[in-house]
Amino acid sequence: MCKILYPMKRLILVFMLIISVNAMAQNNNYTILKDKDVGMIFNGLITFDDLNKEQSFTWLKSGRDIYSPNVQAVKYLTSRLKDFSMVVFLGTWCSDSHDLIPRLQKVLQMTNYPLSQLTMYGVDMKKKTTNGEEKKYAIEYVPTIILFNKEGKEIGRITESVQKSIEADMKKMVKKYYAAAQ
């Protein structure tokens, strides 16, 4: 009887260890996938706090720290950007996201943008999210940054790269929206 119980206890212990490791690799909002070539992939609903906590995402802090946004564009956005909600799709594995998302975070910090109005999703390498949100927003490339007015109507998007800069492109969208509303 003891010979049977010992392997059974061991098996239960191993099973519990596997469950606890999986629980640490997931939270209620996103799943962490691992790829041998690109490292950690966050998939699903994420926040800047989630990204900042991941020590291997050095691209976020270094990109944010070295970026110097255009002061005039930031000044314009500071009083206006809060009138819009934002949905962002990014790939934690994607070089374009590594370039643009830290710049976005810096601009949002400088404008005091309320992060409660930001919804951000990580996508896997096929540009899919855990719950299929990419379909609702017709996401083909990452990063994609979408601005919405208070009625929830899309006023513009930045896809994969910027025309001028993150703050200049957002300023252009916001100005165009306000000009059309006149």
Protein backbone atom coordinates (compact mmCIF):
# COMPACT_ATOMS: atom_id res chain seq x y z
CA MET A 1 0.00 0.00 0.00
CA CYS A 2 2.80 2.45 0.88
CA LYS A 3 4.53 1.79 -2.43
CA ILE A 4 1.41 2.90 -4.27
CA LEU A 5 0.78 5.98 -2.14
CA TYR A 6 4.28 7.41 -2.53
CA PRO A 7 4.17 7.56 -6.37
CA MET A 8 0.61 8.87 -6.15
CA LYS A 9 1.66 11.68 -3.77
CA ARG A 10 4.55 12.46 -6.05
CA LEU A 11 2.28 12.59 -9.07
CA ILE A 12 -0.14 14.91 -7.24
CA LEU A 13 2.76 17.15 -6.20
CA VAL A 14 4.05 17.34 -9.79
CA PHE A 15 0.54 18.10 -11.05
CA MET A 16 0.11 20.90 -8.49
CA LEU A 17 3.49 22.34 -9.47
CA ILE A 18 2.47 22.41 -13.14
CA ILE A 19 -0.81 24.15 -12.26
CA SER A 20 0.96 26.78 -10.15
CA VAL A 21 3.51 27.50 -12.91
CA ASN A 22 0.67 27.92 -15.40
CA ALA A 23 -1.16 30.22 -12.99
CA MET A 24 1.94 32.40 -12.72
CA ALA A 25 2.23 32.54 -16.51
CA GLN A 26 -1.31 33.79 -16.88
CA ASN A 27 -3.49 36.42 -15.31
CA ASN A 28 -7.15 37.16 -15.87
CA ASN A 29 -6.46 39.35 -18.90
CA TYR A 30 -3.65 37.91 -20.96
CA THR A 31 -1.65 34.79 -21.64
CA ILE A 32 2.12 34.65 -21.80
CA LEU A 33 3.43 32.55 -24.64
CA LYS A 34 7.10 31.75 -25.08
CA ASP A 35 8.88 31.52 -28.41
CA LYS A 36 12.50 30.35 -28.61
CA ASP A 37 13.33 33.03 -31.19
CA VAL A 38 11.43 36.09 -29.90
CA GLY A 39 10.99 35.42 -26.18
CA MET A 40 7.88 36.42 -24.25
CA ILE A 41 4.66 37.07 -26.16
CA PHE A 42 1.81 38.74 -24.29
CA ASN A 43 -1.53 37.80 -25.81
CA GLY A 44 -4.80 39.43 -24.80
CA LEU A 45 -5.81 42.48 -22.80
CA ILE A 46 -2.70 44.17 -21.33
CA THR A 47 -1.63 47.43 -19.72
CA PHE A 48 1.56 49.45 -19.67
CA ASP A 49 2.03 48.21 -16.10
CA ASP A 50 1.97 44.62 -17.37
CA LEU A 51 4.58 45.45 -20.00
CA ASN A 52 6.76 47.40 -17.58
CA LYS A 53 6.80 44.50 -15.10
CA GLU A 54 8.33 42.13 -17.65
CA GLN A 55 12.08 42.48 -17.16
CA SER A 56 12.92 41.12 -20.62
CA PHE A 57 11.04 44.00 -22.29
CA THR A 58 14.00 46.37 -22.06
CA TRP A 59 12.86 47.92 -25.35
CA LEU A 60 9.96 49.65 -23.55
CA LYS A 61 11.94 51.58 -20.95
CA SER A 62 14.89 52.39 -23.20
CA GLY A 63 12.65 53.52 -26.06
CA ARG A 64 10.55 55.67 -23.75
CA ASP A 65 13.60 57.19 -22.06
CA ILE A 66 15.37 58.24 -25.25
CA TYR A 67 12.32 59.60 -27.07
CA SER A 68 11.92 63.40 -27.21
CA PRO A 69 8.45 64.28 -28.50
CA ASN A 70 7.68 67.55 -30.25
CA VAL A 71 6.75 69.96 -27.49
CA GLN A 72 4.22 71.92 -29.59
CA ALA A 73 2.35 68.77 -30.61
CA VAL A 74 2.31 67.51 -27.02
CA LYS A 75 1.03 70.89 -25.82
CA TYR A 76 -1.81 70.75 -28.37
CA LEU A 77 -2.70 67.17 -27.36
CA THR A 78 -2.57 67.84 -23.62
CA SER A 79 -5.87 69.71 -23.59
CA ARG A 80 -7.59 67.64 -26.31
CA LEU A 81 -6.47 64.01 -26.36
CA LYS A 82 -8.47 63.19 -23.21
CA ASP A 83 -11.64 63.73 -25.28
CA PHE A 84 -10.86 60.49 -27.15
CA SER A 85 -10.58 56.85 -26.22
CA MET A 86 -7.85 54.72 -27.68
CA VAL A 87 -7.46 51.06 -28.63
CA VAL A 88 -3.95 49.75 -29.27
CA PHE A 89 -2.81 46.43 -30.69
CA LEU A 90 0.85 45.46 -30.41
CA GLY A 91 3.15 42.51 -30.66
CA THR A 92 5.66 42.18 -27.85
CA TRP A 93 7.71 40.25 -30.41
CA CYS A 94 7.44 42.94 -33.14
CA SER A 95 10.21 45.46 -33.92
CA ASP A 96 7.69 48.07 -35.10
CA SER A 97 5.88 47.76 -31.75
CA HIS A 98 9.23 47.99 -29.95
CA ASP A 99 9.78 51.29 -31.76
CA LEU A 100 6.33 52.90 -31.56
CA ILE A 101 4.78 51.73 -28.29
CA PRO A 102 7.44 53.29 -26.00
CA ARG A 103 6.96 56.57 -27.89
CA LEU A 104 3.21 56.30 -27.42
CA GLN A 105 3.66 55.72 -23.71
CA LYS A 106 5.92 58.76 -23.40
CA VAL A 107 3.41 61.00 -25.22
CA LEU A 108 0.53 59.68 -23.11
CA GLN A 109 2.53 60.39 -19.94
CA MET A 110 3.42 63.89 -21.08
CA THR A 111 -0.20 64.73 -21.98
CA ASN A 112 -1.56 63.23 -18.74
CA TYR A 113 -3.80 61.01 -20.83
CA PRO A 114 -6.21 59.05 -18.59
CA LEU A 115 -5.14 55.43 -19.00
CA SER A 116 -8.68 54.38 -18.10
CA GLN A 117 -9.54 55.45 -21.68
CA LEU A 118 -6.85 53.19 -23.18
CA THR A 119 -7.52 49.59 -24.12
CA MET A 120 -4.47 47.65 -25.23
CA TYR A 121 -4.13 44.14 -26.64
CA GLY A 122 -1.10 41.98 -27.21
CA VAL A 123 -1.25 39.72 -30.25
CA ASP A 124 0.54 36.50 -31.10
CA MET A 125 2.75 36.17 -34.16
CA LYS A 126 -0.31 35.51 -36.33
CA LYS A 127 -1.74 38.84 -35.06
CA LYS A 128 -4.51 37.10 -33.14
CA THR A 129 -5.72 37.81 -29.60
CA THR A 130 -6.99 35.26 -27.12
CA ASN A 131 -10.61 36.39 -27.57
CA GLY A 132 -10.56 37.48 -31.23
CA GLU A 133 -10.67 41.26 -30.66
CA GLU A 134 -8.46 41.77 -33.72
CA LYS A 135 -11.46 40.84 -35.90
CA LYS A 136 -13.70 43.52 -34.40
CA TYR A 137 -11.09 46.20 -35.16
CA ALA A 138 -9.92 44.74 -38.52
CA ILE A 139 -6.30 44.45 -37.40
CA GLU A 140 -3.87 43.34 -40.08
CA TYR A 141 -0.61 44.89 -38.89
CA VAL A 142 0.90 45.87 -35.56
CA PRO A 143 1.19 48.13 -33.90
CA THR A 144 -2.18 49.69 -34.62
CA ILE A 145 -3.37 52.69 -32.60
CA ILE A 146 -7.01 53.70 -33.04
CA LEU A 147 -8.63 56.90 -31.73
CA PHE A 148 -12.38 57.04 -31.04
CA ASN A 149 -14.60 60.03 -30.29
CA LYS A 150 -16.99 60.06 -27.32
CA GLU A 151 -19.68 58.38 -29.41
CA GLY A 152 -17.33 55.49 -30.13
CA LYS A 153 -16.77 56.38 -33.78
CA GLU A 154 -13.27 55.82 -35.11
CA ILE A 155 -11.63 59.10 -36.05
CA GLY A 156 -8.33 57.67 -37.27
CA ARG A 157 -5.62 55.09 -36.83
CA ILE A 158 -1.89 54.73 -36.99
CA THR A 159 -0.86 51.39 -38.45
CA GLU A 160 2.63 49.89 -38.24
CA SER A 161 4.53 53.17 -38.56
CA VAL A 162 3.97 56.91 -38.38
CA GLN A 163 3.98 59.50 -41.15
CA LYS A 164 5.79 62.12 -39.08
CA SER A 165 5.80 61.18 -35.38
CA ILE A 166 3.35 59.59 -32.97
CA GLU A 167 2.38 62.96 -31.48
CA ALA A 168 2.23 64.76 -34.84
CA ASP A 169 0.07 62.03 -36.38
CA MET A 170 -2.32 62.04 -33.41
CA LYS A 171 -2.45 65.83 -33.49
CA LYS A 172 -3.37 65.67 -37.18
CA MET A 173 -6.23 63.24 -36.46
CA VAL A 174 -7.56 65.33 -33.58
CA LYS A 175 -7.32 68.60 -35.57
CA LYS A 176 -9.13 67.02 -38.50
CA TYR A 177 -11.88 65.78 -36.17
CA TYR A 178 -12.40 69.20 -34.59
CA ALA A 179 -12.31 70.95 -37.97
CA ALA A 180 -15.02 68.61 -39.31
CA ALA A 181 -17.13 69.21 -36.18
CA GLN A 182 -17.18 72.98 -36.79
